[in-house]
N, C-alpha and C. Protein backbone atom coordinates (compact mmCIF):
# COMPACT_ATOMS: atom_id res chain seq x y z
N MET A 1 11.41 -2.18 -14.53
CA MET A 1 10.89 -2.24 -13.04
C MET A 1 9.62 -1.24 -13.18
N GLU A 2 8.48 -1.67 -13.04
CA GLU A 2 7.26 -0.95 -13.03
C GLU A 2 7.38 0.10 -11.68
N THR A 3 6.74 1.08 -12.13
CA THR A 3 6.83 2.33 -10.62
C THR A 3 5.37 2.59 -10.62
N ARG A 4 4.96 2.59 -9.20
CA ARG A 4 3.81 3.03 -9.03
C ARG A 4 3.53 4.41 -8.37
N ARG A 5 2.94 5.39 -8.80
CA ARG A 5 3.09 6.83 -8.18
C ARG A 5 1.80 7.02 -7.35
N LYS A 6 2.32 7.31 -6.30
CA LYS A 6 1.30 7.54 -5.04
C LYS A 6 1.52 9.08 -4.42
N VAL A 7 0.03 9.65 -4.15
CA VAL A 7 0.13 10.86 -3.26
C VAL A 7 -0.53 10.52 -2.05
N TYR A 8 -0.10 11.48 -1.19
CA TYR A 8 -0.46 11.26 0.22
C TYR A 8 -0.62 12.79 0.72
N ALA A 9 -1.64 12.93 1.54
CA ALA A 9 -2.01 14.14 1.92
C ALA A 9 -1.67 14.14 3.76
N TYR A 10 -1.05 15.08 4.28
CA TYR A 10 -1.03 15.34 5.47
C TYR A 10 -1.89 16.64 6.10
N ILE A 11 -3.04 16.48 6.18
CA ILE A 11 -3.82 17.57 6.40
C ILE A 11 -3.80 17.84 8.11
N THR A 12 -3.45 19.08 8.32
CA THR A 12 -3.29 19.17 9.81
C THR A 12 -4.22 20.69 10.26
N ARG A 13 -4.55 20.63 11.38
CA ARG A 13 -5.36 21.87 12.21
C ARG A 13 -4.40 22.15 13.41
N GLU A 14 -4.70 23.35 13.74
CA GLU A 14 -4.18 23.73 15.29
C GLU A 14 -5.44 23.38 16.04
N ASN A 15 -5.30 22.66 17.13
CA ASN A 15 -6.21 22.68 18.28
C ASN A 15 -6.10 23.07 19.75
N ASP A 16 -6.16 23.98 20.13
CA ASP A 16 -5.41 24.21 21.73
C ASP A 16 -3.80 24.07 21.48
N LYS A 17 -3.52 24.99 20.56
CA LYS A 17 -2.11 25.24 20.32
C LYS A 17 -1.27 23.70 20.44
N THR A 18 -1.95 22.53 19.51
CA THR A 18 -1.56 21.58 19.27
C THR A 18 -1.68 21.08 18.07
N GLN A 19 -0.81 20.69 17.15
CA GLN A 19 -0.98 20.58 15.95
C GLN A 19 -1.50 18.98 15.81
N GLU A 20 -2.49 18.83 15.06
CA GLU A 20 -3.31 17.35 14.56
C GLU A 20 -3.39 17.16 13.10
N LEU A 21 -3.15 15.84 13.14
CA LEU A 21 -3.13 15.38 11.93
C LEU A 21 -4.65 14.43 11.67
N LEU A 22 -4.88 14.57 10.18
CA LEU A 22 -6.19 14.23 9.87
C LEU A 22 -5.88 12.39 9.63
N ILE A 23 -6.46 11.48 10.05
CA ILE A 23 -6.06 9.81 9.73
C ILE A 23 -7.43 9.59 9.63
N PHE A 24 -7.45 8.07 9.44
CA PHE A 24 -8.48 7.46 8.96
C PHE A 24 -8.37 5.92 9.22
N GLU A 25 -9.39 5.15 9.53
CA GLU A 25 -9.30 3.79 9.16
C GLU A 25 -10.54 3.26 8.21
N TYR A 26 -10.34 2.09 7.72
CA TYR A 26 -11.27 1.78 6.93
C TYR A 26 -12.43 1.09 7.49
N LYS A 27 -13.56 1.48 7.72
CA LYS A 27 -14.89 0.62 8.29
C LYS A 27 -14.86 -0.88 7.94
N GLY A 28 -14.95 -1.76 9.08
CA GLY A 28 -14.53 -2.82 8.70
C GLY A 28 -13.41 -3.63 8.53
N GLU A 29 -12.39 -2.96 7.96
CA GLU A 29 -10.93 -3.49 7.45
C GLU A 29 -9.84 -2.89 8.55
N PRO A 30 -9.86 -3.56 9.78
CA PRO A 30 -8.49 -2.93 10.40
C PRO A 30 -7.32 -3.57 10.24
N GLU A 31 -7.35 -4.28 9.38
CA GLU A 31 -6.22 -4.91 8.77
C GLU A 31 -5.59 -4.11 7.78
N GLN A 32 -6.32 -3.05 7.17
CA GLN A 32 -5.62 -2.05 6.50
C GLN A 32 -4.42 -0.98 7.28
N GLY A 33 -4.81 -1.16 8.52
CA GLY A 33 -4.11 0.13 9.40
C GLY A 33 -4.67 1.46 9.37
N VAL A 34 -3.69 2.34 10.05
CA VAL A 34 -4.19 3.80 10.08
C VAL A 34 -3.46 4.62 9.11
N GLN A 35 -4.27 5.27 8.23
CA GLN A 35 -3.97 5.95 6.99
C GLN A 35 -4.02 7.39 6.97
N VAL A 36 -3.41 8.00 5.94
CA VAL A 36 -3.81 9.23 5.74
C VAL A 36 -4.50 9.33 4.38
N PRO A 37 -5.27 10.41 4.14
CA PRO A 37 -5.87 10.56 2.72
C PRO A 37 -4.95 10.32 1.42
N GLY A 38 -5.10 9.71 0.46
CA GLY A 38 -4.09 9.51 -0.55
C GLY A 38 -4.52 8.35 -1.43
N GLY A 39 -3.28 8.16 -2.71
CA GLY A 39 -3.88 6.87 -3.34
C GLY A 39 -2.83 6.86 -4.52
N THR A 40 -3.22 6.24 -5.37
CA THR A 40 -2.66 6.06 -7.13
C THR A 40 -2.98 7.57 -7.91
N ILE A 41 -1.65 7.71 -8.29
CA ILE A 41 -1.64 8.61 -9.52
C ILE A 41 -1.99 8.07 -11.00
N GLY A 42 -3.16 8.57 -11.60
CA GLY A 42 -3.73 8.08 -12.60
C GLY A 42 -2.49 8.10 -13.93
N GLU A 43 -2.04 7.29 -14.96
CA GLU A 43 -1.18 7.05 -15.90
C GLU A 43 -0.98 8.58 -16.36
N ASP A 44 -1.95 9.27 -16.78
CA ASP A 44 -1.65 10.49 -17.58
C ASP A 44 -1.85 11.81 -16.57
N GLU A 45 -2.11 11.43 -15.44
CA GLU A 45 -2.66 12.62 -14.31
C GLU A 45 -1.17 13.27 -13.94
N MET A 46 -1.43 14.63 -13.66
CA MET A 46 -0.48 15.24 -13.00
C MET A 46 -0.56 14.86 -11.49
N VAL A 47 0.74 15.09 -10.56
CA VAL A 47 0.94 14.68 -9.59
C VAL A 47 -0.21 15.66 -8.70
N ILE A 48 -0.21 16.81 -8.77
CA ILE A 48 -1.17 17.90 -7.95
C ILE A 48 -2.53 17.65 -8.07
N ASP A 49 -3.10 17.30 -9.74
CA ASP A 49 -4.34 16.82 -9.84
C ASP A 49 -4.77 15.79 -9.15
N ALA A 50 -3.75 14.88 -9.06
CA ALA A 50 -4.18 13.41 -8.47
C ALA A 50 -4.28 13.79 -6.70
N LEU A 51 -3.59 14.56 -6.17
CA LEU A 51 -3.40 15.00 -4.90
C LEU A 51 -5.07 15.78 -4.40
N TYR A 52 -5.37 16.66 -5.40
CA TYR A 52 -6.71 17.18 -5.03
C TYR A 52 -7.66 16.09 -5.30
N ARG A 53 -7.50 15.40 -6.52
CA ARG A 53 -8.79 14.46 -6.40
C ARG A 53 -9.01 13.43 -5.22
N LYS A 54 -7.78 12.80 -5.12
CA LYS A 54 -7.95 12.06 -3.80
C LYS A 54 -8.39 12.53 -2.58
N VAL A 55 -7.86 13.80 -2.28
CA VAL A 55 -8.14 14.46 -0.91
C VAL A 55 -10.09 14.81 -0.85
N ALA A 56 -10.39 15.09 -2.33
CA ALA A 56 -11.67 15.29 -2.17
C ALA A 56 -12.39 13.82 -2.19
N GLU A 57 -12.36 12.90 -2.95
CA GLU A 57 -12.73 11.45 -2.91
C GLU A 57 -13.15 10.98 -1.48
N GLU A 58 -11.57 10.92 -0.84
CA GLU A 58 -11.65 10.08 0.51
C GLU A 58 -12.17 10.88 1.87
N THR A 59 -12.10 12.46 1.57
CA THR A 59 -12.38 13.08 2.67
C THR A 59 -13.65 13.57 3.03
N GLY A 60 -14.26 14.28 1.42
CA GLY A 60 -15.12 14.94 1.47
C GLY A 60 -15.23 16.49 2.01
N LEU A 61 -13.73 17.10 2.33
CA LEU A 61 -13.53 18.12 2.84
C LEU A 61 -13.73 19.13 1.48
N ALA A 62 -13.97 20.37 2.03
CA ALA A 62 -14.31 21.32 0.70
C ALA A 62 -12.78 22.16 0.44
N LYS A 63 -12.35 21.98 -0.69
CA LYS A 63 -11.15 22.67 -1.13
C LYS A 63 -10.76 24.03 -0.43
N GLU A 64 -11.97 25.02 -0.61
CA GLU A 64 -11.58 26.07 0.06
C GLU A 64 -11.57 26.40 1.78
N ASP A 65 -11.63 25.15 2.37
CA ASP A 65 -11.13 24.93 3.72
C ASP A 65 -9.71 24.54 3.64
N LEU A 66 -9.00 24.14 2.75
CA LEU A 66 -7.67 23.90 2.64
C LEU A 66 -6.75 24.54 2.24
N THR A 67 -5.69 24.86 2.88
CA THR A 67 -4.63 25.76 2.53
C THR A 67 -3.29 24.58 2.30
N PHE A 68 -2.81 24.97 1.03
CA PHE A 68 -1.94 24.22 0.23
C PHE A 68 -0.37 24.67 1.11
N ALA A 69 0.21 24.10 1.84
CA ALA A 69 1.57 24.10 2.54
C ALA A 69 2.43 23.87 1.59
N GLY A 70 2.61 23.04 0.97
CA GLY A 70 3.72 22.57 0.08
C GLY A 70 3.96 20.99 0.09
N LYS A 71 4.88 20.68 -0.39
CA LYS A 71 5.52 19.31 -0.49
C LYS A 71 6.43 18.81 0.24
N LEU A 72 6.45 17.82 1.08
CA LEU A 72 7.03 17.62 1.96
C LEU A 72 8.11 16.65 1.89
N HIS A 73 8.06 15.71 1.07
CA HIS A 73 8.81 14.89 0.91
C HIS A 73 8.52 13.80 -0.57
N LYS A 74 9.50 13.43 -1.03
CA LYS A 74 9.29 12.25 -2.12
C LYS A 74 10.13 11.15 -1.75
N HIS A 75 9.90 9.90 -1.81
CA HIS A 75 10.92 8.95 -1.84
C HIS A 75 10.57 7.69 -2.79
N MET A 76 11.50 6.84 -2.78
CA MET A 76 11.04 5.55 -3.40
C MET A 76 10.98 4.46 -2.52
N ILE A 77 10.45 3.43 -2.98
CA ILE A 77 10.09 2.16 -1.94
C ILE A 77 10.25 0.89 -3.11
N PHE A 78 11.59 0.03 -2.41
CA PHE A 78 11.65 -1.02 -3.52
C PHE A 78 11.42 -2.45 -2.59
N PRO A 79 9.80 -2.89 -2.57
CA PRO A 79 9.73 -4.14 -2.01
C PRO A 79 10.60 -5.21 -2.25
N LYS A 80 11.13 -6.09 -1.01
CA LYS A 80 12.09 -7.29 -1.48
C LYS A 80 10.83 -8.20 -2.47
N ASP A 81 11.79 -8.80 -3.14
CA ASP A 81 10.88 -9.75 -4.15
C ASP A 81 9.67 -9.17 -4.88
N SER A 82 10.06 -8.23 -5.57
CA SER A 82 8.94 -7.53 -6.04
C SER A 82 9.54 -6.85 -7.68
N GLU A 83 8.44 -6.73 -8.37
CA GLU A 83 8.69 -6.19 -9.68
C GLU A 83 8.43 -4.81 -9.94
N LYS A 84 7.97 -4.29 -8.64
CA LYS A 84 7.34 -2.80 -8.86
C LYS A 84 8.01 -2.23 -7.80
N ALA A 85 8.43 -0.72 -8.22
CA ALA A 85 8.82 0.09 -7.11
C ALA A 85 7.56 1.22 -6.90
N TYR A 86 7.63 1.99 -5.74
CA TYR A 86 6.59 2.63 -5.32
C TYR A 86 7.09 4.11 -5.18
N GLU A 87 6.77 5.30 -5.77
CA GLU A 87 7.11 6.50 -5.70
C GLU A 87 6.01 7.28 -4.57
N HIS A 88 6.52 7.50 -3.73
CA HIS A 88 5.51 8.42 -2.74
C HIS A 88 5.95 10.00 -2.59
N ASN A 89 4.90 10.83 -3.06
CA ASN A 89 4.75 11.96 -3.07
C ASN A 89 3.98 12.55 -1.71
N ILE A 90 4.61 13.35 -0.87
CA ILE A 90 3.77 13.54 0.44
C ILE A 90 3.50 15.02 0.60
N PHE A 91 2.40 15.57 0.51
CA PHE A 91 2.12 17.02 0.70
C PHE A 91 1.48 17.25 2.18
N HIS A 92 1.54 18.72 2.16
CA HIS A 92 1.01 19.29 3.53
C HIS A 92 -0.03 20.24 3.23
N PHE A 93 -1.33 20.11 3.75
CA PHE A 93 -2.44 21.11 3.63
C PHE A 93 -2.57 21.36 5.29
N GLU A 94 -2.98 22.91 5.42
CA GLU A 94 -3.81 23.31 6.70
C GLU A 94 -5.14 23.25 6.67
N TYR A 95 -5.77 22.75 7.26
CA TYR A 95 -7.25 22.80 7.39
C TYR A 95 -7.98 23.91 8.12
N THR A 96 -8.60 24.82 7.59
CA THR A 96 -9.05 26.06 8.11
C THR A 96 -10.79 26.22 8.12
N GLY A 97 -11.08 25.03 8.11
CA GLY A 97 -12.50 25.25 8.25
C GLY A 97 -13.17 24.46 9.39
N GLU A 98 -14.36 24.46 9.62
CA GLU A 98 -14.92 23.76 11.32
C GLU A 98 -15.15 22.21 10.59
N SER A 99 -15.05 21.51 11.58
CA SER A 99 -15.23 20.09 11.44
C SER A 99 -15.25 19.17 12.68
N GLU A 100 -15.80 18.18 12.82
CA GLU A 100 -16.05 17.33 13.94
C GLU A 100 -14.98 16.90 14.37
N GLU A 101 -14.82 16.08 15.85
CA GLU A 101 -13.54 15.47 15.78
C GLU A 101 -13.41 14.24 15.16
N ALA A 102 -14.61 13.53 14.96
CA ALA A 102 -14.43 12.54 14.36
C ALA A 102 -15.77 12.14 13.13
N TRP A 103 -15.69 11.58 12.23
CA TRP A 103 -16.66 11.57 11.03
C TRP A 103 -16.42 10.35 10.45
N GLU A 104 -17.45 9.77 9.64
CA GLU A 104 -17.43 8.94 8.48
C GLU A 104 -17.83 9.66 7.25
N HIS A 105 -17.07 9.19 6.00
CA HIS A 105 -17.11 9.74 4.73
C HIS A 105 -17.09 8.61 3.78
N THR A 106 -18.20 8.35 3.09
CA THR A 106 -18.35 7.08 2.15
C THR A 106 -17.64 7.68 0.67
N GLU A 107 -16.50 6.71 0.23
CA GLU A 107 -16.46 6.91 -1.18
C GLU A 107 -17.04 7.22 -2.10
N PRO A 108 -16.82 8.06 -3.19
CA PRO A 108 -17.71 7.96 -4.30
C PRO A 108 -18.11 6.34 -4.94
N GLY A 109 -19.35 6.32 -5.11
CA GLY A 109 -19.41 4.98 -5.76
C GLY A 109 -20.17 3.96 -4.35
N GLY A 110 -19.98 4.50 -3.16
CA GLY A 110 -20.14 3.79 -2.24
C GLY A 110 -19.38 2.36 -1.85
N LYS A 111 -17.90 2.32 -2.33
CA LYS A 111 -17.00 1.27 -2.18
C LYS A 111 -16.61 1.01 -0.88
N ARG A 112 -16.27 2.32 -0.11
CA ARG A 112 -15.48 2.21 1.22
C ARG A 112 -16.17 3.41 1.92
N VAL A 113 -15.88 3.08 3.32
CA VAL A 113 -16.48 3.91 4.26
C VAL A 113 -15.07 4.50 5.28
N PHE A 114 -14.73 5.56 5.04
CA PHE A 114 -13.40 6.11 6.05
C PHE A 114 -14.03 6.59 7.36
N GLN A 115 -13.36 5.86 8.06
CA GLN A 115 -13.60 6.75 9.55
C GLN A 115 -12.46 7.66 9.92
N TYR A 116 -12.54 8.73 9.90
CA TYR A 116 -11.62 9.89 10.44
C TYR A 116 -11.74 10.29 11.78
N ARG A 117 -10.78 10.80 12.21
CA ARG A 117 -10.25 11.44 13.27
C ARG A 117 -9.13 12.04 13.18
N TRP A 118 -8.94 13.42 14.50
CA TRP A 118 -7.84 14.13 14.38
C TRP A 118 -7.02 13.51 15.48
N LYS A 119 -5.62 13.55 15.21
CA LYS A 119 -4.71 13.08 16.28
C LYS A 119 -3.77 14.11 16.31
N SER A 120 -3.08 14.24 17.64
CA SER A 120 -1.97 15.08 17.98
C SER A 120 -0.84 14.42 17.22
N VAL A 121 0.19 15.27 16.14
CA VAL A 121 1.29 14.48 15.74
C VAL A 121 2.11 13.76 16.57
N ARG A 122 2.16 14.38 18.13
CA ARG A 122 3.14 13.69 18.93
C ARG A 122 2.65 12.65 19.41
N ASP A 123 1.46 12.09 19.15
CA ASP A 123 0.73 11.06 19.89
C ASP A 123 0.07 10.18 18.75
N LEU A 124 0.80 10.14 17.36
CA LEU A 124 0.34 9.32 16.28
C LEU A 124 0.29 7.79 16.48
N PRO A 125 -0.30 6.71 16.44
CA PRO A 125 -0.24 5.48 15.98
C PRO A 125 0.72 5.10 14.82
N LYS A 126 1.36 4.14 14.34
CA LYS A 126 2.14 3.97 13.37
C LYS A 126 1.26 3.82 11.93
N LEU A 127 1.35 4.61 11.14
CA LEU A 127 0.70 4.78 9.85
C LEU A 127 0.99 3.69 9.04
N ALA A 128 0.24 3.21 8.39
CA ALA A 128 0.50 1.83 7.23
C ALA A 128 1.19 2.26 6.38
N LYS A 129 1.58 1.32 5.72
CA LYS A 129 2.39 1.59 4.25
C LYS A 129 3.34 2.58 4.02
N ASP A 130 4.09 3.12 5.02
CA ASP A 130 5.32 3.87 5.15
C ASP A 130 4.81 5.22 4.80
N GLN A 131 3.41 5.72 5.17
CA GLN A 131 2.70 6.74 5.12
C GLN A 131 3.35 7.60 6.42
N GLY A 132 4.23 7.34 7.34
CA GLY A 132 4.31 8.24 8.41
C GLY A 132 5.69 8.65 8.30
N ASP A 133 6.74 8.38 6.88
CA ASP A 133 7.69 8.69 6.65
C ASP A 133 8.27 10.10 6.86
N ALA A 134 7.14 10.86 6.80
CA ALA A 134 7.44 12.91 6.88
C ALA A 134 6.76 13.11 7.63
N VAL A 135 6.07 12.65 8.50
CA VAL A 135 5.37 13.35 9.88
C VAL A 135 6.50 14.39 10.64
N ASP A 136 7.61 14.02 10.71
CA ASP A 136 8.79 14.99 11.29
C ASP A 136 8.88 16.05 10.72
N MET A 137 8.53 16.21 9.19
CA MET A 137 8.73 17.14 8.44
C MET A 137 7.53 18.40 8.77
N LEU A 138 6.77 17.75 9.24
CA LEU A 138 5.31 18.73 9.71
C LEU A 138 5.89 19.98 10.66
């Protein structure tokens, strides 16, 4: 069985004593749902390298404004009627920079536009593709 390895970043900030999570939707693609930054780990890529690469590509946030808080969770997903399994690695960063409440970021190469916003972890919408599995661990 083939395994596809993924990384996801829970990027949080404190706002008026409320912990908020950075979430996004793809502009013009509502069927993709609400997500957190992340994606596929390259074949010969280290997990931590893929994590930093995906955060930079998808958010545009400066690495200096992110404090690595640790790995929250790792789990496997085995979809029915599929020859593939998915390994999800979920990490936590604390955001220490200044940012807007909402913004758009275009992926390198101009493929997709991400529409970002901060949302209280107590009032999150359902995250797509099992990406919310470790929110309770924040």
